[in-house]
Amino acid sequence: MNQQHGLLLARLVERWPGAGVDVRETSLALSEDGDSLLLRRYWEHYSAGDRAICLERCHRIPVERLVRWMICQGEASDRL
């Protein structure tokens, strides 16, 4: 995923007394070839004395499939 051109949808930082810090991010980006939309979910946990724990999930959907789904879900408009 191209991080420079991604859109950060959400970032949450939670500090837990005595338990460390959790960082969560959700971002959206276009794939390098422009054919897919990528939804990235990232979680990281820091705690005193322990190493950081990181998890990342990336979901890919072809843009063509997403647009077709949007058209099927759309509502008729009388304004045209």
C-alpha atoms as a PDB file:
ATOM      1  CA  MET A   1       0.000   0.000   0.000  1.00  0.00           C
ATOM      2  CA  ASN A   2       1.267   3.458  -0.802  1.00  0.00           C
ATOM      3  CA  GLN A   3       1.285   5.232   2.559  1.00  0.00           C
ATOM      4  CA  GLN A   4       1.914   8.674   1.004  1.00  0.00           C
ATOM      5  CA  HIS A   5      -1.428   8.754  -0.756  1.00  0.00           C
ATOM      6  CA  GLY A   6      -3.556   6.914   1.780  1.00  0.00           C
ATOM      7  CA  LEU A   7      -6.410   8.449   3.723  1.00  0.00           C
ATOM      8  CA  LEU A   8      -6.288   8.021   7.499  1.00  0.00           C
ATOM      9  CA  LEU A   9      -9.867   7.251   8.518  1.00  0.00           C
ATOM     10  CA  ALA A  10      -9.343   6.849  12.257  1.00  0.00           C
ATOM     11  CA  ARG A  11      -6.593   6.870  14.856  1.00  0.00           C
ATOM     12  CA  LEU A  12      -7.120   5.940  18.481  1.00  0.00           C
ATOM     13  CA  VAL A  13      -4.485   6.076  21.204  1.00  0.00           C
ATOM     14  CA  GLU A  14      -5.475   4.628  24.570  1.00  0.00           C
ATOM     15  CA  ARG A  15      -3.301   4.790  27.659  1.00  0.00           C
ATOM     16  CA  TRP A  16      -3.969   2.129  30.278  1.00  0.00           C
ATOM     17  CA  PRO A  17      -2.610   2.796  33.801  1.00  0.00           C
ATOM     18  CA  GLY A  18       0.015   0.140  34.485  1.00  0.00           C
ATOM     19  CA  ALA A  19      -0.821  -1.737  31.276  1.00  0.00           C
ATOM     20  CA  GLY A  20       0.738   0.363  28.529  1.00  0.00           C
ATOM     21  CA  VAL A  21      -0.520   2.060  25.398  1.00  0.00           C
ATOM     22  CA  ASP A  22      -2.674   0.821  22.515  1.00  0.00           C
ATOM     23  CA  VAL A  23      -2.538   2.482  19.095  1.00  0.00           C
ATOM     24  CA  ARG A  24      -5.169   1.676  16.469  1.00  0.00           C
ATOM     25  CA  GLU A  25      -5.371   3.038  12.947  1.00  0.00           C
ATOM     26  CA  THR A  26      -7.677   2.482  10.007  1.00  0.00           C
ATOM     27  CA  SER A  27      -6.704   3.810   6.586  1.00  0.00           C
ATOM     28  CA  LEU A  28      -7.853   3.599   2.995  1.00  0.00           C
ATOM     29  CA  ALA A  29      -5.654   3.720  -0.113  1.00  0.00           C
ATOM     30  CA  LEU A  30      -5.581   2.882  -3.781  1.00  0.00           C
ATOM     31  CA  SER A  31      -3.290   0.003  -4.782  1.00  0.00           C
ATOM     32  CA  GLU A  32      -0.120   0.778  -6.744  1.00  0.00           C
ATOM     33  CA  ASP A  33      -1.719  -0.431  -9.996  1.00  0.00           C
ATOM     34  CA  GLY A  34      -4.925   1.547  -9.298  1.00  0.00           C
ATOM     35  CA  ASP A  35      -7.132  -1.534  -9.673  1.00  0.00           C
ATOM     36  CA  SER A  36      -7.976  -2.125  -6.007  1.00  0.00           C
ATOM     37  CA  LEU A  37      -9.007  -0.243  -2.905  1.00  0.00           C
ATOM     38  CA  LEU A  38      -7.096  -1.236   0.242  1.00  0.00           C
ATOM     39  CA  LEU A  39      -8.501  -0.983   3.754  1.00  0.00           C
ATOM     40  CA  ARG A  40      -5.749  -1.306   6.345  1.00  0.00           C
ATOM     41  CA  ARG A  41      -6.364  -1.958  10.053  1.00  0.00           C
ATOM     42  CA  TYR A  42      -3.349  -1.638  12.325  1.00  0.00           C
ATOM     43  CA  TRP A  43      -3.013  -2.306  16.062  1.00  0.00           C
ATOM     44  CA  GLU A  44       0.046  -1.855  18.231  1.00  0.00           C
ATOM     45  CA  HIS A  45       0.471  -2.359  21.976  1.00  0.00           C
ATOM     46  CA  TYR A  46       3.329  -0.973  24.040  1.00  0.00           C
ATOM     47  CA  SER A  47       3.942  -1.863  27.674  1.00  0.00           C
ATOM     48  CA  ALA A  48       6.790  -1.252  30.097  1.00  0.00           C
ATOM     49  CA  GLY A  49       9.387  -4.008  30.002  1.00  0.00           C
ATOM     50  CA  ASP A  50       7.781  -5.865  27.083  1.00  0.00           C
ATOM     51  CA  ARG A  51       8.425  -5.512  23.411  1.00  0.00           C
ATOM     52  CA  ALA A  52       5.754  -3.958  21.210  1.00  0.00           C
ATOM     53  CA  ILE A  53       3.080  -6.216  19.761  1.00  0.00           C
ATOM     54  CA  CYS A  54       1.837  -5.322  16.274  1.00  0.00           C
ATOM     55  CA  LEU A  55      -0.990  -6.674  14.144  1.00  0.00           C
ATOM     56  CA  GLU A  56      -1.944  -5.510  10.674  1.00  0.00           C
ATOM     57  CA  ARG A  57      -4.796  -6.618   8.451  1.00  0.00           C
ATOM     58  CA  CYS A  58      -5.259  -5.432   4.897  1.00  0.00           C
ATOM     59  CA  HIS A  59      -8.454  -6.010   2.942  1.00  0.00           C
ATOM     60  CA  ARG A  60      -8.380  -5.602  -0.846  1.00  0.00           C
ATOM     61  CA  ILE A  61     -11.371  -5.133  -3.117  1.00  0.00           C
ATOM     62  CA  PRO A  62     -11.228  -4.491  -6.861  1.00  0.00           C
ATOM     63  CA  VAL A  63     -12.496  -0.974  -7.685  1.00  0.00           C
ATOM     64  CA  GLU A  64     -14.697  -2.365 -10.472  1.00  0.00           C
ATOM     65  CA  ARG A  65     -16.435  -4.719  -8.027  1.00  0.00           C
ATOM     66  CA  LEU A  66     -16.941  -1.910  -5.499  1.00  0.00           C
ATOM     67  CA  VAL A  67     -18.476   0.404  -8.115  1.00  0.00           C
ATOM     68  CA  ARG A  68     -20.817  -2.362  -9.320  1.00  0.00           C
ATOM     69  CA  TRP A  69     -21.898  -3.003  -5.718  1.00  0.00           C
ATOM     70  CA  MET A  70     -22.516   0.736  -5.204  1.00  0.00           C
ATOM     71  CA  ILE A  71     -24.657   0.892  -8.350  1.00  0.00           C
ATOM     72  CA  CYS A  72     -26.717  -2.094  -7.201  1.00  0.00           C
ATOM     73  CA  GLN A  73     -27.213  -0.526  -3.768  1.00  0.00           C
ATOM     74  CA  GLY A  74     -28.103   2.901  -5.149  1.00  0.00           C
ATOM     75  CA  GLU A  75     -31.530   4.484  -5.089  1.00  0.00           C
ATOM     76  CA  ALA A  76     -33.414   5.860  -8.065  1.00  0.00           C
ATOM     77  CA  SER A  77     -33.393   9.637  -8.323  1.00  0.00           C
ATOM     78  CA  ASP A  78     -36.066  11.796  -9.959  1.00  0.00           C
ATOM     79  CA  ARG A  79     -33.659  14.735 -10.244  1.00  0.00           C
ATOM     80  CA  LEU A  80     -32.097  13.569 -13.545  1.00  0.00           C
END
